[in-house]
Amino acid sequence: LDEDNGTTAVDAQEISEGEYHIGGS
């Protein structure tokens, strides 16, 4: 929200029922 760098969309990986995670910079 501070700089106009666009939007990044990432798919989360399911690790258990109802729980998801994403790793990265």
PDBML (XML) file of the C-alpha atoms, coordinates in Angstrom:
<?xml version="1.0" encoding="UTF-8" ?>
<PDBx:datablock datablockName="MODEL"
   xmlns:PDBx="http://pdbml.pdb.org/schema/pdbx-v50.xsd"
   xmlns:xsi="http://www.w3.org/2001/XMLSchema-instance"
   xsi:schemaLocation="http://pdbml.pdb.org/schema/pdbx-v50.xsd pdbx-v50.xsd">
   <PDBx:atom_siteCategory>
      <PDBx:atom_site id="1">
         <PDBx:B_iso_or_equiv>0.00</PDBx:B_iso_or_equiv>
         <PDBx:Cartn_x>0.000</PDBx:Cartn_x>
         <PDBx:Cartn_y>0.000</PDBx:Cartn_y>
         <PDBx:Cartn_z>0.000</PDBx:Cartn_z>
         <PDBx:auth_asym_id>A</PDBx:auth_asym_id>
         <PDBx:auth_atom_id>CA</PDBx:auth_atom_id>
         <PDBx:auth_comp_id>LEU</PDBx:auth_comp_id>
         <PDBx:auth_seq_id>1</PDBx:auth_seq_id>
         <PDBx:group_PDB>ATOM</PDBx:group_PDB>
         <PDBx:label_alt_id xsi:nil="true" />
         <PDBx:label_asym_id>A</PDBx:label_asym_id>
         <PDBx:label_atom_id>CA</PDBx:label_atom_id>
         <PDBx:label_comp_id>LEU</PDBx:label_comp_id>
         <PDBx:label_entity_id>1</PDBx:label_entity_id>
         <PDBx:label_seq_id>1</PDBx:label_seq_id>
         <PDBx:occupancy>1.00</PDBx:occupancy>
         <PDBx:pdbx_PDB_model_num>1</PDBx:pdbx_PDB_model_num>
         <PDBx:type_symbol>C</PDBx:type_symbol>
      </PDBx:atom_site>
      <PDBx:atom_site id="2">
         <PDBx:B_iso_or_equiv>0.00</PDBx:B_iso_or_equiv>
         <PDBx:Cartn_x>2.998</PDBx:Cartn_x>
         <PDBx:Cartn_y>2.331</PDBx:Cartn_y>
         <PDBx:Cartn_z>0.248</PDBx:Cartn_z>
         <PDBx:auth_asym_id>A</PDBx:auth_asym_id>
         <PDBx:auth_atom_id>CA</PDBx:auth_atom_id>
         <PDBx:auth_comp_id>ASP</PDBx:auth_comp_id>
         <PDBx:auth_seq_id>2</PDBx:auth_seq_id>
         <PDBx:group_PDB>ATOM</PDBx:group_PDB>
         <PDBx:label_alt_id xsi:nil="true" />
         <PDBx:label_asym_id>A</PDBx:label_asym_id>
         <PDBx:label_atom_id>CA</PDBx:label_atom_id>
         <PDBx:label_comp_id>ASP</PDBx:label_comp_id>
         <PDBx:label_entity_id>1</PDBx:label_entity_id>
         <PDBx:label_seq_id>2</PDBx:label_seq_id>
         <PDBx:occupancy>1.00</PDBx:occupancy>
         <PDBx:pdbx_PDB_model_num>1</PDBx:pdbx_PDB_model_num>
         <PDBx:type_symbol>C</PDBx:type_symbol>
      </PDBx:atom_site>
      <PDBx:atom_site id="3">
         <PDBx:B_iso_or_equiv>0.00</PDBx:B_iso_or_equiv>
         <PDBx:Cartn_x>4.432</PDBx:Cartn_x>
         <PDBx:Cartn_y>1.794</PDBx:Cartn_y>
         <PDBx:Cartn_z>-3.231</PDBx:Cartn_z>
         <PDBx:auth_asym_id>A</PDBx:auth_asym_id>
         <PDBx:auth_atom_id>CA</PDBx:auth_atom_id>
         <PDBx:auth_comp_id>GLU</PDBx:auth_comp_id>
         <PDBx:auth_seq_id>3</PDBx:auth_seq_id>
         <PDBx:group_PDB>ATOM</PDBx:group_PDB>
         <PDBx:label_alt_id xsi:nil="true" />
         <PDBx:label_asym_id>A</PDBx:label_asym_id>
         <PDBx:label_atom_id>CA</PDBx:label_atom_id>
         <PDBx:label_comp_id>GLU</PDBx:label_comp_id>
         <PDBx:label_entity_id>1</PDBx:label_entity_id>
         <PDBx:label_seq_id>3</PDBx:label_seq_id>
         <PDBx:occupancy>1.00</PDBx:occupancy>
         <PDBx:pdbx_PDB_model_num>1</PDBx:pdbx_PDB_model_num>
         <PDBx:type_symbol>C</PDBx:type_symbol>
      </PDBx:atom_site>
      <PDBx:atom_site id="4">
         <PDBx:B_iso_or_equiv>0.00</PDBx:B_iso_or_equiv>
         <PDBx:Cartn_x>2.838</PDBx:Cartn_x>
         <PDBx:Cartn_y>0.989</PDBx:Cartn_y>
         <PDBx:Cartn_z>-6.563</PDBx:Cartn_z>
         <PDBx:auth_asym_id>A</PDBx:auth_asym_id>
         <PDBx:auth_atom_id>CA</PDBx:auth_atom_id>
         <PDBx:auth_comp_id>ASP</PDBx:auth_comp_id>
         <PDBx:auth_seq_id>4</PDBx:auth_seq_id>
         <PDBx:group_PDB>ATOM</PDBx:group_PDB>
         <PDBx:label_alt_id xsi:nil="true" />
         <PDBx:label_asym_id>A</PDBx:label_asym_id>
         <PDBx:label_atom_id>CA</PDBx:label_atom_id>
         <PDBx:label_comp_id>ASP</PDBx:label_comp_id>
         <PDBx:label_entity_id>1</PDBx:label_entity_id>
         <PDBx:label_seq_id>4</PDBx:label_seq_id>
         <PDBx:occupancy>1.00</PDBx:occupancy>
         <PDBx:pdbx_PDB_model_num>1</PDBx:pdbx_PDB_model_num>
         <PDBx:type_symbol>C</PDBx:type_symbol>
      </PDBx:atom_site>
      <PDBx:atom_site id="5">
         <PDBx:B_iso_or_equiv>0.00</PDBx:B_iso_or_equiv>
         <PDBx:Cartn_x>4.444</PDBx:Cartn_x>
         <PDBx:Cartn_y>-2.396</PDBx:Cartn_y>
         <PDBx:Cartn_z>-7.220</PDBx:Cartn_z>
         <PDBx:auth_asym_id>A</PDBx:auth_asym_id>
         <PDBx:auth_atom_id>CA</PDBx:auth_atom_id>
         <PDBx:auth_comp_id>ASN</PDBx:auth_comp_id>
         <PDBx:auth_seq_id>5</PDBx:auth_seq_id>
         <PDBx:group_PDB>ATOM</PDBx:group_PDB>
         <PDBx:label_alt_id xsi:nil="true" />
         <PDBx:label_asym_id>A</PDBx:label_asym_id>
         <PDBx:label_atom_id>CA</PDBx:label_atom_id>
         <PDBx:label_comp_id>ASN</PDBx:label_comp_id>
         <PDBx:label_entity_id>1</PDBx:label_entity_id>
         <PDBx:label_seq_id>5</PDBx:label_seq_id>
         <PDBx:occupancy>1.00</PDBx:occupancy>
         <PDBx:pdbx_PDB_model_num>1</PDBx:pdbx_PDB_model_num>
         <PDBx:type_symbol>C</PDBx:type_symbol>
      </PDBx:atom_site>
      <PDBx:atom_site id="6">
         <PDBx:B_iso_or_equiv>0.00</PDBx:B_iso_or_equiv>
         <PDBx:Cartn_x>1.352</PDBx:Cartn_x>
         <PDBx:Cartn_y>-4.224</PDBx:Cartn_y>
         <PDBx:Cartn_z>-8.425</PDBx:Cartn_z>
         <PDBx:auth_asym_id>A</PDBx:auth_asym_id>
         <PDBx:auth_atom_id>CA</PDBx:auth_atom_id>
         <PDBx:auth_comp_id>GLY</PDBx:auth_comp_id>
         <PDBx:auth_seq_id>6</PDBx:auth_seq_id>
         <PDBx:group_PDB>ATOM</PDBx:group_PDB>
         <PDBx:label_alt_id xsi:nil="true" />
         <PDBx:label_asym_id>A</PDBx:label_asym_id>
         <PDBx:label_atom_id>CA</PDBx:label_atom_id>
         <PDBx:label_comp_id>GLY</PDBx:label_comp_id>
         <PDBx:label_entity_id>1</PDBx:label_entity_id>
         <PDBx:label_seq_id>6</PDBx:label_seq_id>
         <PDBx:occupancy>1.00</PDBx:occupancy>
         <PDBx:pdbx_PDB_model_num>1</PDBx:pdbx_PDB_model_num>
         <PDBx:type_symbol>C</PDBx:type_symbol>
      </PDBx:atom_site>
      <PDBx:atom_site id="7">
         <PDBx:B_iso_or_equiv>0.00</PDBx:B_iso_or_equiv>
         <PDBx:Cartn_x>-0.311</PDBx:Cartn_x>
         <PDBx:Cartn_y>-7.268</PDBx:Cartn_y>
         <PDBx:Cartn_z>-6.911</PDBx:Cartn_z>
         <PDBx:auth_asym_id>A</PDBx:auth_asym_id>
         <PDBx:auth_atom_id>CA</PDBx:auth_atom_id>
         <PDBx:auth_comp_id>THR</PDBx:auth_comp_id>
         <PDBx:auth_seq_id>7</PDBx:auth_seq_id>
         <PDBx:group_PDB>ATOM</PDBx:group_PDB>
         <PDBx:label_alt_id xsi:nil="true" />
         <PDBx:label_asym_id>A</PDBx:label_asym_id>
         <PDBx:label_atom_id>CA</PDBx:label_atom_id>
         <PDBx:label_comp_id>THR</PDBx:label_comp_id>
         <PDBx:label_entity_id>1</PDBx:label_entity_id>
         <PDBx:label_seq_id>7</PDBx:label_seq_id>
         <PDBx:occupancy>1.00</PDBx:occupancy>
         <PDBx:pdbx_PDB_model_num>1</PDBx:pdbx_PDB_model_num>
         <PDBx:type_symbol>C</PDBx:type_symbol>
      </PDBx:atom_site>
      <PDBx:atom_site id="8">
         <PDBx:B_iso_or_equiv>0.00</PDBx:B_iso_or_equiv>
         <PDBx:Cartn_x>1.218</PDBx:Cartn_x>
         <PDBx:Cartn_y>-10.718</PDBx:Cartn_y>
         <PDBx:Cartn_z>-6.478</PDBx:Cartn_z>
         <PDBx:auth_asym_id>A</PDBx:auth_asym_id>
         <PDBx:auth_atom_id>CA</PDBx:auth_atom_id>
         <PDBx:auth_comp_id>THR</PDBx:auth_comp_id>
         <PDBx:auth_seq_id>8</PDBx:auth_seq_id>
         <PDBx:group_PDB>ATOM</PDBx:group_PDB>
         <PDBx:label_alt_id xsi:nil="true" />
         <PDBx:label_asym_id>A</PDBx:label_asym_id>
         <PDBx:label_atom_id>CA</PDBx:label_atom_id>
         <PDBx:label_comp_id>THR</PDBx:label_comp_id>
         <PDBx:label_entity_id>1</PDBx:label_entity_id>
         <PDBx:label_seq_id>8</PDBx:label_seq_id>
         <PDBx:occupancy>1.00</PDBx:occupancy>
         <PDBx:pdbx_PDB_model_num>1</PDBx:pdbx_PDB_model_num>
         <PDBx:type_symbol>C</PDBx:type_symbol>
      </PDBx:atom_site>
      <PDBx:atom_site id="9">
         <PDBx:B_iso_or_equiv>0.00</PDBx:B_iso_or_equiv>
         <PDBx:Cartn_x>-1.082</PDBx:Cartn_x>
         <PDBx:Cartn_y>-13.768</PDBx:Cartn_y>
         <PDBx:Cartn_z>-6.426</PDBx:Cartn_z>
         <PDBx:auth_asym_id>A</PDBx:auth_asym_id>
         <PDBx:auth_atom_id>CA</PDBx:auth_atom_id>
         <PDBx:auth_comp_id>ALA</PDBx:auth_comp_id>
         <PDBx:auth_seq_id>9</PDBx:auth_seq_id>
         <PDBx:group_PDB>ATOM</PDBx:group_PDB>
         <PDBx:label_alt_id xsi:nil="true" />
         <PDBx:label_asym_id>A</PDBx:label_asym_id>
         <PDBx:label_atom_id>CA</PDBx:label_atom_id>
         <PDBx:label_comp_id>ALA</PDBx:label_comp_id>
         <PDBx:label_entity_id>1</PDBx:label_entity_id>
         <PDBx:label_seq_id>9</PDBx:label_seq_id>
         <PDBx:occupancy>1.00</PDBx:occupancy>
         <PDBx:pdbx_PDB_model_num>1</PDBx:pdbx_PDB_model_num>
         <PDBx:type_symbol>C</PDBx:type_symbol>
      </PDBx:atom_site>
      <PDBx:atom_site id="10">
         <PDBx:B_iso_or_equiv>0.00</PDBx:B_iso_or_equiv>
         <PDBx:Cartn_x>0.146</PDBx:Cartn_x>
         <PDBx:Cartn_y>-17.080</PDBx:Cartn_y>
         <PDBx:Cartn_z>-4.974</PDBx:Cartn_z>
         <PDBx:auth_asym_id>A</PDBx:auth_asym_id>
         <PDBx:auth_atom_id>CA</PDBx:auth_atom_id>
         <PDBx:auth_comp_id>VAL</PDBx:auth_comp_id>
         <PDBx:auth_seq_id>10</PDBx:auth_seq_id>
         <PDBx:group_PDB>ATOM</PDBx:group_PDB>
         <PDBx:label_alt_id xsi:nil="true" />
         <PDBx:label_asym_id>A</PDBx:label_asym_id>
         <PDBx:label_atom_id>CA</PDBx:label_atom_id>
         <PDBx:label_comp_id>VAL</PDBx:label_comp_id>
         <PDBx:label_entity_id>1</PDBx:label_entity_id>
         <PDBx:label_seq_id>10</PDBx:label_seq_id>
         <PDBx:occupancy>1.00</PDBx:occupancy>
         <PDBx:pdbx_PDB_model_num>1</PDBx:pdbx_PDB_model_num>
         <PDBx:type_symbol>C</PDBx:type_symbol>
      </PDBx:atom_site>
      <PDBx:atom_site id="11">
         <PDBx:B_iso_or_equiv>0.00</PDBx:B_iso_or_equiv>
         <PDBx:Cartn_x>-1.574</PDBx:Cartn_x>
         <PDBx:Cartn_y>-20.445</PDBx:Cartn_y>
         <PDBx:Cartn_z>-4.505</PDBx:Cartn_z>
         <PDBx:auth_asym_id>A</PDBx:auth_asym_id>
         <PDBx:auth_atom_id>CA</PDBx:auth_atom_id>
         <PDBx:auth_comp_id>ASP</PDBx:auth_comp_id>
         <PDBx:auth_seq_id>11</PDBx:auth_seq_id>
         <PDBx:group_PDB>ATOM</PDBx:group_PDB>
         <PDBx:label_alt_id xsi:nil="true" />
         <PDBx:label_asym_id>A</PDBx:label_asym_id>
         <PDBx:label_atom_id>CA</PDBx:label_atom_id>
         <PDBx:label_comp_id>ASP</PDBx:label_comp_id>
         <PDBx:label_entity_id>1</PDBx:label_entity_id>
         <PDBx:label_seq_id>11</PDBx:label_seq_id>
         <PDBx:occupancy>1.00</PDBx:occupancy>
         <PDBx:pdbx_PDB_model_num>1</PDBx:pdbx_PDB_model_num>
         <PDBx:type_symbol>C</PDBx:type_symbol>
      </PDBx:atom_site>
      <PDBx:atom_site id="12">
         <PDBx:B_iso_or_equiv>0.00</PDBx:B_iso_or_equiv>
         <PDBx:Cartn_x>-1.302</PDBx:Cartn_x>
         <PDBx:Cartn_y>-21.817</PDBx:Cartn_y>
         <PDBx:Cartn_z>-0.974</PDBx:Cartn_z>
         <PDBx:auth_asym_id>A</PDBx:auth_asym_id>
         <PDBx:auth_atom_id>CA</PDBx:auth_atom_id>
         <PDBx:auth_comp_id>ALA</PDBx:auth_comp_id>
         <PDBx:auth_seq_id>12</PDBx:auth_seq_id>
         <PDBx:group_PDB>ATOM</PDBx:group_PDB>
         <PDBx:label_alt_id xsi:nil="true" />
         <PDBx:label_asym_id>A</PDBx:label_asym_id>
         <PDBx:label_atom_id>CA</PDBx:label_atom_id>
         <PDBx:label_comp_id>ALA</PDBx:label_comp_id>
         <PDBx:label_entity_id>1</PDBx:label_entity_id>
         <PDBx:label_seq_id>12</PDBx:label_seq_id>
         <PDBx:occupancy>1.00</PDBx:occupancy>
         <PDBx:pdbx_PDB_model_num>1</PDBx:pdbx_PDB_model_num>
         <PDBx:type_symbol>C</PDBx:type_symbol>
      </PDBx:atom_site>
      <PDBx:atom_site id="13">
         <PDBx:B_iso_or_equiv>0.00</PDBx:B_iso_or_equiv>
         <PDBx:Cartn_x>-0.346</PDBx:Cartn_x>
         <PDBx:Cartn_y>-25.449</PDBx:Cartn_y>
         <PDBx:Cartn_z>-0.403</PDBx:Cartn_z>
         <PDBx:auth_asym_id>A</PDBx:auth_asym_id>
         <PDBx:auth_atom_id>CA</PDBx:auth_atom_id>
         <PDBx:auth_comp_id>GLN</PDBx:auth_comp_id>
         <PDBx:auth_seq_id>13</PDBx:auth_seq_id>
         <PDBx:group_PDB>ATOM</PDBx:group_PDB>
         <PDBx:label_alt_id xsi:nil="true" />
         <PDBx:label_asym_id>A</PDBx:label_asym_id>
         <PDBx:label_atom_id>CA</PDBx:label_atom_id>
         <PDBx:label_comp_id>GLN</PDBx:label_comp_id>
         <PDBx:label_entity_id>1</PDBx:label_entity_id>
         <PDBx:label_seq_id>13</PDBx:label_seq_id>
         <PDBx:occupancy>1.00</PDBx:occupancy>
         <PDBx:pdbx_PDB_model_num>1</PDBx:pdbx_PDB_model_num>
         <PDBx:type_symbol>C</PDBx:type_symbol>
      </PDBx:atom_site>
      <PDBx:atom_site id="14">
         <PDBx:B_iso_or_equiv>0.00</PDBx:B_iso_or_equiv>
         <PDBx:Cartn_x>-2.567</PDBx:Cartn_x>
         <PDBx:Cartn_y>-27.575</PDBx:Cartn_y>
         <PDBx:Cartn_z>1.852</PDBx:Cartn_z>
         <PDBx:auth_asym_id>A</PDBx:auth_asym_id>
         <PDBx:auth_atom_id>CA</PDBx:auth_atom_id>
         <PDBx:auth_comp_id>GLU</PDBx:auth_comp_id>
         <PDBx:auth_seq_id>14</PDBx:auth_seq_id>
         <PDBx:group_PDB>ATOM</PDBx:group_PDB>
         <PDBx:label_alt_id xsi:nil="true" />
         <PDBx:label_asym_id>A</PDBx:label_asym_id>
         <PDBx:label_atom_id>CA</PDBx:label_atom_id>
         <PDBx:label_comp_id>GLU</PDBx:label_comp_id>
         <PDBx:label_entity_id>1</PDBx:label_entity_id>
         <PDBx:label_seq_id>14</PDBx:label_seq_id>
         <PDBx:occupancy>1.00</PDBx:occupancy>
         <PDBx:pdbx_PDB_model_num>1</PDBx:pdbx_PDB_model_num>
         <PDBx:type_symbol>C</PDBx:type_symbol>
      </PDBx:atom_site>
      <PDBx:atom_site id="15">
         <PDBx:B_iso_or_equiv>0.00</PDBx:B_iso_or_equiv>
         <PDBx:Cartn_x>-0.666</PDBx:Cartn_x>
         <PDBx:Cartn_y>-29.102</PDBx:Cartn_y>
         <PDBx:Cartn_z>4.767</PDBx:Cartn_z>
         <PDBx:auth_asym_id>A</PDBx:auth_asym_id>
         <PDBx:auth_atom_id>CA</PDBx:auth_atom_id>
         <PDBx:auth_comp_id>ILE</PDBx:auth_comp_id>
         <PDBx:auth_seq_id>15</PDBx:auth_seq_id>
         <PDBx:group_PDB>ATOM</PDBx:group_PDB>
         <PDBx:label_alt_id xsi:nil="true" />
         <PDBx:label_asym_id>A</PDBx:label_asym_id>
         <PDBx:label_atom_id>CA</PDBx:label_atom_id>
         <PDBx:label_comp_id>ILE</PDBx:label_comp_id>
         <PDBx:label_entity_id>1</PDBx:label_entity_id>
         <PDBx:label_seq_id>15</PDBx:label_seq_id>
         <PDBx:occupancy>1.00</PDBx:occupancy>
         <PDBx:pdbx_PDB_model_num>1</PDBx:pdbx_PDB_model_num>
         <PDBx:type_symbol>C</PDBx:type_symbol>
      </PDBx:atom_site>
      <PDBx:atom_site id="16">
         <PDBx:B_iso_or_equiv>0.00</PDBx:B_iso_or_equiv>
         <PDBx:Cartn_x>-3.676</PDBx:Cartn_x>
         <PDBx:Cartn_y>-30.535</PDBx:Cartn_y>
         <PDBx:Cartn_z>6.631</PDBx:Cartn_z>
         <PDBx:auth_asym_id>A</PDBx:auth_asym_id>
         <PDBx:auth_atom_id>CA</PDBx:auth_atom_id>
         <PDBx:auth_comp_id>SER</PDBx:auth_comp_id>
         <PDBx:auth_seq_id>16</PDBx:auth_seq_id>
         <PDBx:group_PDB>ATOM</PDBx:group_PDB>
         <PDBx:label_alt_id xsi:nil="true" />
         <PDBx:label_asym_id>A</PDBx:label_asym_id>
         <PDBx:label_atom_id>CA</PDBx:label_atom_id>
         <PDBx:label_comp_id>SER</PDBx:label_comp_id>
         <PDBx:label_entity_id>1</PDBx:label_entity_id>
         <PDBx:label_seq_id>16</PDBx:label_seq_id>
         <PDBx:occupancy>1.00</PDBx:occupancy>
         <PDBx:pdbx_PDB_model_num>1</PDBx:pdbx_PDB_model_num>
         <PDBx:type_symbol>C</PDBx:type_symbol>
      </PDBx:atom_site>
      <PDBx:atom_site id="17">
         <PDBx:B_iso_or_equiv>0.00</PDBx:B_iso_or_equiv>
         <PDBx:Cartn_x>-7.447</PDBx:Cartn_x>
         <PDBx:Cartn_y>-30.208</PDBx:Cartn_y>
         <PDBx:Cartn_z>6.531</PDBx:Cartn_z>
         <PDBx:auth_asym_id>A</PDBx:auth_asym_id>
         <PDBx:auth_atom_id>CA</PDBx:auth_atom_id>
         <PDBx:auth_comp_id>GLU</PDBx:auth_comp_id>
         <PDBx:auth_seq_id>17</PDBx:auth_seq_id>
         <PDBx:group_PDB>ATOM</PDBx:group_PDB>
         <PDBx:label_alt_id xsi:nil="true" />
         <PDBx:label_asym_id>A</PDBx:label_asym_id>
         <PDBx:label_atom_id>CA</PDBx:label_atom_id>
         <PDBx:label_comp_id>GLU</PDBx:label_comp_id>
         <PDBx:label_entity_id>1</PDBx:label_entity_id>
         <PDBx:label_seq_id>17</PDBx:label_seq_id>
         <PDBx:occupancy>1.00</PDBx:occupancy>
         <PDBx:pdbx_PDB_model_num>1</PDBx:pdbx_PDB_model_num>
         <PDBx:type_symbol>C</PDBx:type_symbol>
      </PDBx:atom_site>
      <PDBx:atom_site id="18">
         <PDBx:B_iso_or_equiv>0.00</PDBx:B_iso_or_equiv>
         <PDBx:Cartn_x>-8.261</PDBx:Cartn_x>
         <PDBx:Cartn_y>-26.510</PDBx:Cartn_y>
         <PDBx:Cartn_z>6.603</PDBx:Cartn_z>
         <PDBx:auth_asym_id>A</PDBx:auth_asym_id>
         <PDBx:auth_atom_id>CA</PDBx:auth_atom_id>
         <PDBx:auth_comp_id>GLY</PDBx:auth_comp_id>
         <PDBx:auth_seq_id>18</PDBx:auth_seq_id>
         <PDBx:group_PDB>ATOM</PDBx:group_PDB>
         <PDBx:label_alt_id xsi:nil="true" />
         <PDBx:label_asym_id>A</PDBx:label_asym_id>
         <PDBx:label_atom_id>CA</PDBx:label_atom_id>
         <PDBx:label_comp_id>GLY</PDBx:label_comp_id>
         <PDBx:label_entity_id>1</PDBx:label_entity_id>
         <PDBx:label_seq_id>18</PDBx:label_seq_id>
         <PDBx:occupancy>1.00</PDBx:occupancy>
         <PDBx:pdbx_PDB_model_num>1</PDBx:pdbx_PDB_model_num>
         <PDBx:type_symbol>C</PDBx:type_symbol>
      </PDBx:atom_site>
      <PDBx:atom_site id="19">
         <PDBx:B_iso_or_equiv>0.00</PDBx:B_iso_or_equiv>
         <PDBx:Cartn_x>-4.600</PDBx:Cartn_x>
         <PDBx:Cartn_y>-25.454</PDBx:Cartn_y>
         <PDBx:Cartn_z>6.944</PDBx:Cartn_z>
         <PDBx:auth_asym_id>A</PDBx:auth_asym_id>
         <PDBx:auth_atom_id>CA</PDBx:auth_atom_id>
         <PDBx:auth_comp_id>GLU</PDBx:auth_comp_id>
         <PDBx:auth_seq_id>19</PDBx:auth_seq_id>
         <PDBx:group_PDB>ATOM</PDBx:group_PDB>
         <PDBx:label_alt_id xsi:nil="true" />
         <PDBx:label_asym_id>A</PDBx:label_asym_id>
         <PDBx:label_atom_id>CA</PDBx:label_atom_id>
         <PDBx:label_comp_id>GLU</PDBx:label_comp_id>
         <PDBx:label_entity_id>1</PDBx:label_entity_id>
         <PDBx:label_seq_id>19</PDBx:label_seq_id>
         <PDBx:occupancy>1.00</PDBx:occupancy>
         <PDBx:pdbx_PDB_model_num>1</PDBx:pdbx_PDB_model_num>
         <PDBx:type_symbol>C</PDBx:type_symbol>
      </PDBx:atom_site>
      <PDBx:atom_site id="20">
         <PDBx:B_iso_or_equiv>0.00</PDBx:B_iso_or_equiv>
         <PDBx:Cartn_x>-2.432</PDBx:Cartn_x>
         <PDBx:Cartn_y>-23.998</PDBx:Cartn_y>
         <PDBx:Cartn_z>4.172</PDBx:Cartn_z>
         <PDBx:auth_asym_id>A</PDBx:auth_asym_id>
         <PDBx:auth_atom_id>CA</PDBx:auth_atom_id>
         <PDBx:auth_comp_id>TYR</PDBx:auth_comp_id>
         <PDBx:auth_seq_id>20</PDBx:auth_seq_id>
         <PDBx:group_PDB>ATOM</PDBx:group_PDB>
         <PDBx:label_alt_id xsi:nil="true" />
         <PDBx:label_asym_id>A</PDBx:label_asym_id>
         <PDBx:label_atom_id>CA</PDBx:label_atom_id>
         <PDBx:label_comp_id>TYR</PDBx:label_comp_id>
         <PDBx:label_entity_id>1</PDBx:label_entity_id>
         <PDBx:label_seq_id>20</PDBx:label_seq_id>
         <PDBx:occupancy>1.00</PDBx:occupancy>
         <PDBx:pdbx_PDB_model_num>1</PDBx:pdbx_PDB_model_num>
         <PDBx:type_symbol>C</PDBx:type_symbol>
      </PDBx:atom_site>
      <PDBx:atom_site id="21">
         <PDBx:B_iso_or_equiv>0.00</PDBx:B_iso_or_equiv>
         <PDBx:Cartn_x>1.005</PDBx:Cartn_x>
         <PDBx:Cartn_y>-22.423</PDBx:Cartn_y>
         <PDBx:Cartn_z>3.860</PDBx:Cartn_z>
         <PDBx:auth_asym_id>A</PDBx:auth_asym_id>
         <PDBx:auth_atom_id>CA</PDBx:auth_atom_id>
         <PDBx:auth_comp_id>HIS</PDBx:auth_comp_id>
         <PDBx:auth_seq_id>21</PDBx:auth_seq_id>
         <PDBx:group_PDB>ATOM</PDBx:group_PDB>
         <PDBx:label_alt_id xsi:nil="true" />
         <PDBx:label_asym_id>A</PDBx:label_asym_id>
         <PDBx:label_atom_id>CA</PDBx:label_atom_id>
         <PDBx:label_comp_id>HIS</PDBx:label_comp_id>
         <PDBx:label_entity_id>1</PDBx:label_entity_id>
         <PDBx:label_seq_id>21</PDBx:label_seq_id>
         <PDBx:occupancy>1.00</PDBx:occupancy>
         <PDBx:pdbx_PDB_model_num>1</PDBx:pdbx_PDB_model_num>
         <PDBx:type_symbol>C</PDBx:type_symbol>
      </PDBx:atom_site>
      <PDBx:atom_site id="22">
         <PDBx:B_iso_or_equiv>0.00</PDBx:B_iso_or_equiv>
         <PDBx:Cartn_x>3.152</PDBx:Cartn_x>
         <PDBx:Cartn_y>-20.352</PDBx:Cartn_y>
         <PDBx:Cartn_z>1.452</PDBx:Cartn_z>
         <PDBx:auth_asym_id>A</PDBx:auth_asym_id>
         <PDBx:auth_atom_id>CA</PDBx:auth_atom_id>
         <PDBx:auth_comp_id>ILE</PDBx:auth_comp_id>
         <PDBx:auth_seq_id>22</PDBx:auth_seq_id>
         <PDBx:group_PDB>ATOM</PDBx:group_PDB>
         <PDBx:label_alt_id xsi:nil="true" />
         <PDBx:label_asym_id>A</PDBx:label_asym_id>
         <PDBx:label_atom_id>CA</PDBx:label_atom_id>
         <PDBx:label_comp_id>ILE</PDBx:label_comp_id>
         <PDBx:label_entity_id>1</PDBx:label_entity_id>
         <PDBx:label_seq_id>22</PDBx:label_seq_id>
         <PDBx:occupancy>1.00</PDBx:occupancy>
         <PDBx:pdbx_PDB_model_num>1</PDBx:pdbx_PDB_model_num>
         <PDBx:type_symbol>C</PDBx:type_symbol>
      </PDBx:atom_site>
      <PDBx:atom_site id="23">
         <PDBx:B_iso_or_equiv>0.00</PDBx:B_iso_or_equiv>
         <PDBx:Cartn_x>6.887</PDBx:Cartn_x>
         <PDBx:Cartn_y>-19.757</PDBx:Cartn_y>
         <PDBx:Cartn_z>1.601</PDBx:Cartn_z>
         <PDBx:auth_asym_id>A</PDBx:auth_asym_id>
         <PDBx:auth_atom_id>CA</PDBx:auth_atom_id>
         <PDBx:auth_comp_id>GLY</PDBx:auth_comp_id>
         <PDBx:auth_seq_id>23</PDBx:auth_seq_id>
         <PDBx:group_PDB>ATOM</PDBx:group_PDB>
         <PDBx:label_alt_id xsi:nil="true" />
         <PDBx:label_asym_id>A</PDBx:label_asym_id>
         <PDBx:label_atom_id>CA</PDBx:label_atom_id>
         <PDBx:label_comp_id>GLY</PDBx:label_comp_id>
         <PDBx:label_entity_id>1</PDBx:label_entity_id>
         <PDBx:label_seq_id>23</PDBx:label_seq_id>
         <PDBx:occupancy>1.00</PDBx:occupancy>
         <PDBx:pdbx_PDB_model_num>1</PDBx:pdbx_PDB_model_num>
         <PDBx:type_symbol>C</PDBx:type_symbol>
      </PDBx:atom_site>
      <PDBx:atom_site id="24">
         <PDBx:B_iso_or_equiv>0.00</PDBx:B_iso_or_equiv>
         <PDBx:Cartn_x>8.810</PDBx:Cartn_x>
         <PDBx:Cartn_y>-17.021</PDBx:Cartn_y>
         <PDBx:Cartn_z>-0.219</PDBx:Cartn_z>
         <PDBx:auth_asym_id>A</PDBx:auth_asym_id>
         <PDBx:auth_atom_id>CA</PDBx:auth_atom_id>
         <PDBx:auth_comp_id>GLY</PDBx:auth_comp_id>
         <PDBx:auth_seq_id>24</PDBx:auth_seq_id>
         <PDBx:group_PDB>ATOM</PDBx:group_PDB>
         <PDBx:label_alt_id xsi:nil="true" />
         <PDBx:label_asym_id>A</PDBx:label_asym_id>
         <PDBx:label_atom_id>CA</PDBx:label_atom_id>
         <PDBx:label_comp_id>GLY</PDBx:label_comp_id>
         <PDBx:label_entity_id>1</PDBx:label_entity_id>
         <PDBx:label_seq_id>24</PDBx:label_seq_id>
         <PDBx:occupancy>1.00</PDBx:occupancy>
         <PDBx:pdbx_PDB_model_num>1</PDBx:pdbx_PDB_model_num>
         <PDBx:type_symbol>C</PDBx:type_symbol>
      </PDBx:atom_site>
      <PDBx:atom_site id="25">
         <PDBx:B_iso_or_equiv>0.00</PDBx:B_iso_or_equiv>
         <PDBx:Cartn_x>10.042</PDBx:Cartn_x>
         <PDBx:Cartn_y>-13.422</PDBx:Cartn_y>
         <PDBx:Cartn_z>-0.304</PDBx:Cartn_z>
         <PDBx:auth_asym_id>A</PDBx:auth_asym_id>
         <PDBx:auth_atom_id>CA</PDBx:auth_atom_id>
         <PDBx:auth_comp_id>SER</PDBx:auth_comp_id>
         <PDBx:auth_seq_id>25</PDBx:auth_seq_id>
         <PDBx:group_PDB>ATOM</PDBx:group_PDB>
         <PDBx:label_alt_id xsi:nil="true" />
         <PDBx:label_asym_id>A</PDBx:label_asym_id>
         <PDBx:label_atom_id>CA</PDBx:label_atom_id>
         <PDBx:label_comp_id>SER</PDBx:label_comp_id>
         <PDBx:label_entity_id>1</PDBx:label_entity_id>
         <PDBx:label_seq_id>25</PDBx:label_seq_id>
         <PDBx:occupancy>1.00</PDBx:occupancy>
         <PDBx:pdbx_PDB_model_num>1</PDBx:pdbx_PDB_model_num>
         <PDBx:type_symbol>C</PDBx:type_symbol>
      </PDBx:atom_site>
   </PDBx:atom_siteCategory>
</PDBx:datablock>
